[in-house]
Amino acid sequence: MSESKARSQKPFEACLPEEARQHLRAAGEELRKSVQALLPEGFVKHQKQARKEVLLAWRSLIDAALERLEESESKA
């Protein structure tokens, strides 16, 4: 990753002291936990499974595209 891209992803790194950044990260983690606590227990499990199925679908599309590419190369 280029230095300018890394810098743009952490725009406040130079402005904020490390202690403040640690507190912000901890606050974000606690916020995520509180939102997760509001959701039904099975929701997170189904959300993860749905994400996995989407990734598997993309994998199968990529595999099919690679097979078609290999078939066309072998015919040429």
N, C-alpha and C. Protein backbone atom coordinates (compact mmCIF):
# COMPACT_ATOMS: atom_id res chain seq x y z
N MET A 1 0.85 -1.17 0.00
CA MET A 1 0.00 0.00 0.00
C MET A 1 0.89 1.22 0.00
N SER A 2 0.55 2.19 -0.83
CA SER A 2 1.38 3.37 -0.90
C SER A 2 1.23 4.20 0.36
N GLU A 3 2.25 5.02 0.62
CA GLU A 3 2.24 5.83 1.84
C GLU A 3 1.09 6.83 1.84
N SER A 4 0.80 7.43 0.67
CA SER A 4 -0.28 8.43 0.62
C SER A 4 -1.64 7.78 0.85
N LYS A 5 -1.84 6.55 0.35
CA LYS A 5 -3.10 5.86 0.58
C LYS A 5 -3.23 5.49 2.05
N ALA A 6 -2.16 5.01 2.66
CA ALA A 6 -2.20 4.66 4.08
C ALA A 6 -2.50 5.89 4.91
N ARG A 7 -1.93 7.02 4.54
CA ARG A 7 -2.17 8.26 5.27
C ARG A 7 -3.63 8.69 5.15
N SER A 8 -4.24 8.53 3.96
CA SER A 8 -5.62 8.96 3.77
C SER A 8 -6.59 8.07 4.54
N GLN A 9 -6.22 6.85 4.84
CA GLN A 9 -7.08 5.96 5.60
C GLN A 9 -7.01 6.26 7.10
N LYS A 10 -6.01 6.97 7.54
CA LYS A 10 -5.85 7.34 8.94
C LYS A 10 -5.58 8.84 9.01
N PRO A 11 -6.59 9.66 8.67
CA PRO A 11 -6.34 11.09 8.54
C PRO A 11 -6.00 11.80 9.84
N PHE A 12 -6.39 11.24 11.00
CA PHE A 12 -6.16 11.93 12.26
C PHE A 12 -4.95 11.40 13.02
N GLU A 13 -4.21 10.49 12.40
CA GLU A 13 -3.10 9.87 13.10
C GLU A 13 -2.07 10.90 13.57
N ALA A 14 -1.77 11.86 12.74
CA ALA A 14 -0.77 12.86 13.11
C ALA A 14 -1.35 13.91 14.06
N CYS A 15 -2.67 14.07 14.06
CA CYS A 15 -3.31 15.13 14.86
C CYS A 15 -3.65 14.69 16.27
N LEU A 16 -3.96 13.41 16.44
CA LEU A 16 -4.42 12.93 17.74
C LEU A 16 -3.33 12.17 18.47
N PRO A 17 -3.23 12.37 19.76
CA PRO A 17 -2.27 11.58 20.53
C PRO A 17 -2.68 10.10 20.54
N GLU A 18 -1.72 9.24 20.71
CA GLU A 18 -1.98 7.79 20.71
C GLU A 18 -3.04 7.42 21.74
N GLU A 19 -3.00 8.04 22.91
CA GLU A 19 -3.98 7.72 23.95
C GLU A 19 -5.40 8.02 23.48
N ALA A 20 -5.59 9.13 22.79
CA ALA A 20 -6.91 9.48 22.28
C ALA A 20 -7.36 8.47 21.23
N ARG A 21 -6.45 8.05 20.36
CA ARG A 21 -6.80 7.05 19.34
C ARG A 21 -7.20 5.73 19.99
N GLN A 22 -6.49 5.35 21.07
CA GLN A 22 -6.84 4.11 21.78
C GLN A 22 -8.24 4.20 22.38
N HIS A 23 -8.57 5.35 22.94
CA HIS A 23 -9.91 5.53 23.52
C HIS A 23 -10.98 5.50 22.42
N LEU A 24 -10.68 6.09 21.28
CA LEU A 24 -11.65 6.07 20.18
C LEU A 24 -11.87 4.64 19.67
N ARG A 25 -10.79 3.87 19.56
CA ARG A 25 -10.94 2.47 19.14
C ARG A 25 -11.77 1.69 20.15
N ALA A 26 -11.50 1.90 21.45
CA ALA A 26 -12.25 1.21 22.50
C ALA A 26 -13.73 1.62 22.46
N ALA A 27 -14.00 2.90 22.21
CA ALA A 27 -15.38 3.37 22.12
C ALA A 27 -16.09 2.72 20.94
N GLY A 28 -15.40 2.61 19.82
CA GLY A 28 -15.98 1.96 18.65
C GLY A 28 -16.30 0.50 18.92
N GLU A 29 -15.41 -0.18 19.60
CA GLU A 29 -15.62 -1.58 19.95
C GLU A 29 -16.84 -1.73 20.87
N GLU A 30 -16.94 -0.86 21.86
CA GLU A 30 -18.07 -0.93 22.78
C GLU A 30 -19.38 -0.60 22.08
N LEU A 31 -19.35 0.33 21.14
CA LEU A 31 -20.55 0.66 20.36
C LEU A 31 -20.99 -0.55 19.54
N ARG A 32 -20.01 -1.22 18.91
CA ARG A 32 -20.34 -2.40 18.11
C ARG A 32 -20.95 -3.49 18.99
N LYS A 33 -20.40 -3.68 20.19
CA LYS A 33 -20.94 -4.68 21.11
C LYS A 33 -22.36 -4.32 21.54
N SER A 34 -22.62 -3.03 21.79
CA SER A 34 -23.96 -2.63 22.24
C SER A 34 -24.98 -2.82 21.14
N VAL A 35 -24.63 -2.53 19.91
CA VAL A 35 -25.55 -2.75 18.79
C VAL A 35 -25.80 -4.24 18.62
N GLN A 36 -24.75 -5.02 18.72
CA GLN A 36 -24.89 -6.47 18.59
C GLN A 36 -25.79 -7.04 19.69
N ALA A 37 -25.74 -6.46 20.88
CA ALA A 37 -26.57 -6.92 21.99
C ALA A 37 -28.06 -6.64 21.73
N LEU A 38 -28.35 -5.63 20.93
CA LEU A 38 -29.74 -5.31 20.60
C LEU A 38 -30.37 -6.30 19.62
N LEU A 39 -29.52 -6.95 18.85
CA LEU A 39 -30.02 -7.87 17.83
C LEU A 39 -30.32 -9.23 18.44
N PRO A 40 -31.30 -9.93 17.87
CA PRO A 40 -31.57 -11.29 18.36
C PRO A 40 -30.33 -12.17 18.19
N GLU A 41 -30.18 -13.14 19.06
CA GLU A 41 -28.99 -13.99 19.07
C GLU A 41 -28.76 -14.68 17.73
N GLY A 42 -29.81 -15.17 17.11
CA GLY A 42 -29.66 -15.89 15.84
C GLY A 42 -29.33 -14.99 14.67
N PHE A 43 -29.57 -13.69 14.81
CA PHE A 43 -29.33 -12.78 13.70
C PHE A 43 -27.88 -12.78 13.26
N VAL A 44 -26.97 -12.68 14.22
CA VAL A 44 -25.54 -12.62 13.90
C VAL A 44 -25.11 -13.91 13.21
N LYS A 45 -25.60 -15.04 13.70
CA LYS A 45 -25.26 -16.33 13.09
C LYS A 45 -25.75 -16.38 11.65
N HIS A 46 -26.99 -15.97 11.41
CA HIS A 46 -27.54 -15.99 10.05
C HIS A 46 -26.85 -14.96 9.16
N GLN A 47 -26.48 -13.84 9.72
CA GLN A 47 -25.78 -12.82 8.94
C GLN A 47 -24.43 -13.36 8.46
N LYS A 48 -23.70 -14.03 9.34
CA LYS A 48 -22.41 -14.61 8.96
C LYS A 48 -22.59 -15.68 7.90
N GLN A 49 -23.62 -16.51 8.06
CA GLN A 49 -23.87 -17.57 7.08
C GLN A 49 -24.25 -16.97 5.73
N ALA A 50 -25.05 -15.92 5.74
CA ALA A 50 -25.43 -15.26 4.49
C ALA A 50 -24.20 -14.67 3.81
N ARG A 51 -23.33 -14.04 4.58
CA ARG A 51 -22.10 -13.49 4.01
C ARG A 51 -21.25 -14.58 3.38
N LYS A 52 -21.17 -15.73 4.05
CA LYS A 52 -20.40 -16.85 3.52
C LYS A 52 -21.01 -17.34 2.21
N GLU A 53 -22.34 -17.44 2.15
CA GLU A 53 -23.00 -17.90 0.92
C GLU A 53 -22.76 -16.94 -0.24
N VAL A 54 -22.77 -15.65 0.04
CA VAL A 54 -22.49 -14.67 -1.03
C VAL A 54 -21.07 -14.86 -1.54
N LEU A 55 -20.13 -15.04 -0.64
CA LEU A 55 -18.74 -15.25 -1.06
C LEU A 55 -18.59 -16.54 -1.86
N LEU A 56 -19.29 -17.59 -1.44
CA LEU A 56 -19.25 -18.84 -2.20
C LEU A 56 -19.86 -18.67 -3.59
N ALA A 57 -20.92 -17.87 -3.69
CA ALA A 57 -21.52 -17.60 -4.99
C ALA A 57 -20.52 -16.88 -5.90
N TRP A 58 -19.83 -15.88 -5.36
CA TRP A 58 -18.81 -15.18 -6.15
C TRP A 58 -17.70 -16.14 -6.58
N ARG A 59 -17.31 -17.02 -5.65
CA ARG A 59 -16.26 -17.99 -5.99
C ARG A 59 -16.69 -18.87 -7.16
N SER A 60 -17.96 -19.32 -7.13
CA SER A 60 -18.42 -20.19 -8.21
C SER A 60 -18.49 -19.43 -9.53
N LEU A 61 -18.86 -18.16 -9.49
CA LEU A 61 -18.88 -17.36 -10.72
C LEU A 61 -17.47 -17.19 -11.29
N ILE A 62 -16.51 -16.94 -10.41
CA ILE A 62 -15.12 -16.79 -10.85
C ILE A 62 -14.59 -18.12 -11.40
N ASP A 63 -14.90 -19.23 -10.72
CA ASP A 63 -14.46 -20.54 -11.21
C ASP A 63 -15.03 -20.84 -12.59
N ALA A 64 -16.31 -20.52 -12.79
CA ALA A 64 -16.95 -20.76 -14.09
C ALA A 64 -16.30 -19.90 -15.17
N ALA A 65 -16.00 -18.64 -14.84
CA ALA A 65 -15.35 -17.76 -15.81
C ALA A 65 -13.96 -18.28 -16.17
N LEU A 66 -13.22 -18.77 -15.17
CA LEU A 66 -11.89 -19.32 -15.43
C LEU A 66 -11.97 -20.57 -16.30
N GLU A 67 -12.97 -21.41 -16.05
CA GLU A 67 -13.13 -22.62 -16.88
C GLU A 67 -13.42 -22.24 -18.32
N ARG A 68 -14.31 -21.26 -18.53
CA ARG A 68 -14.61 -20.83 -19.91
C ARG A 68 -13.37 -20.27 -20.57
N LEU A 69 -12.57 -19.52 -19.83
CA LEU A 69 -11.34 -18.95 -20.36
C LEU A 69 -10.37 -20.06 -20.75
N GLU A 70 -10.22 -21.05 -19.89
CA GLU A 70 -9.31 -22.17 -20.17
C GLU A 70 -9.79 -22.98 -21.37
N GLU A 71 -11.10 -23.18 -21.48
CA GLU A 71 -11.65 -23.91 -22.62
C GLU A 71 -11.39 -23.17 -23.92
N SER A 72 -11.57 -21.84 -23.91
CA SER A 72 -11.34 -21.08 -25.12
C SER A 72 -9.87 -21.04 -25.49
N GLU A 73 -8.98 -21.06 -24.50
CA GLU A 73 -7.55 -21.10 -24.77
C GLU A 73 -7.13 -22.44 -25.34
N SER A 74 -7.75 -23.53 -24.86
CA SER A 74 -7.36 -24.86 -25.35
C SER A 74 -7.87 -25.09 -26.78
N LYS A 75 -8.95 -24.43 -27.18
CA LYS A 75 -9.48 -24.56 -28.54
C LYS A 75 -8.67 -23.74 -29.53
N ALA A 76 -7.97 -22.72 -29.05
CA ALA A 76 -7.23 -21.82 -29.95
C ALA A 76 -5.91 -22.39 -30.35
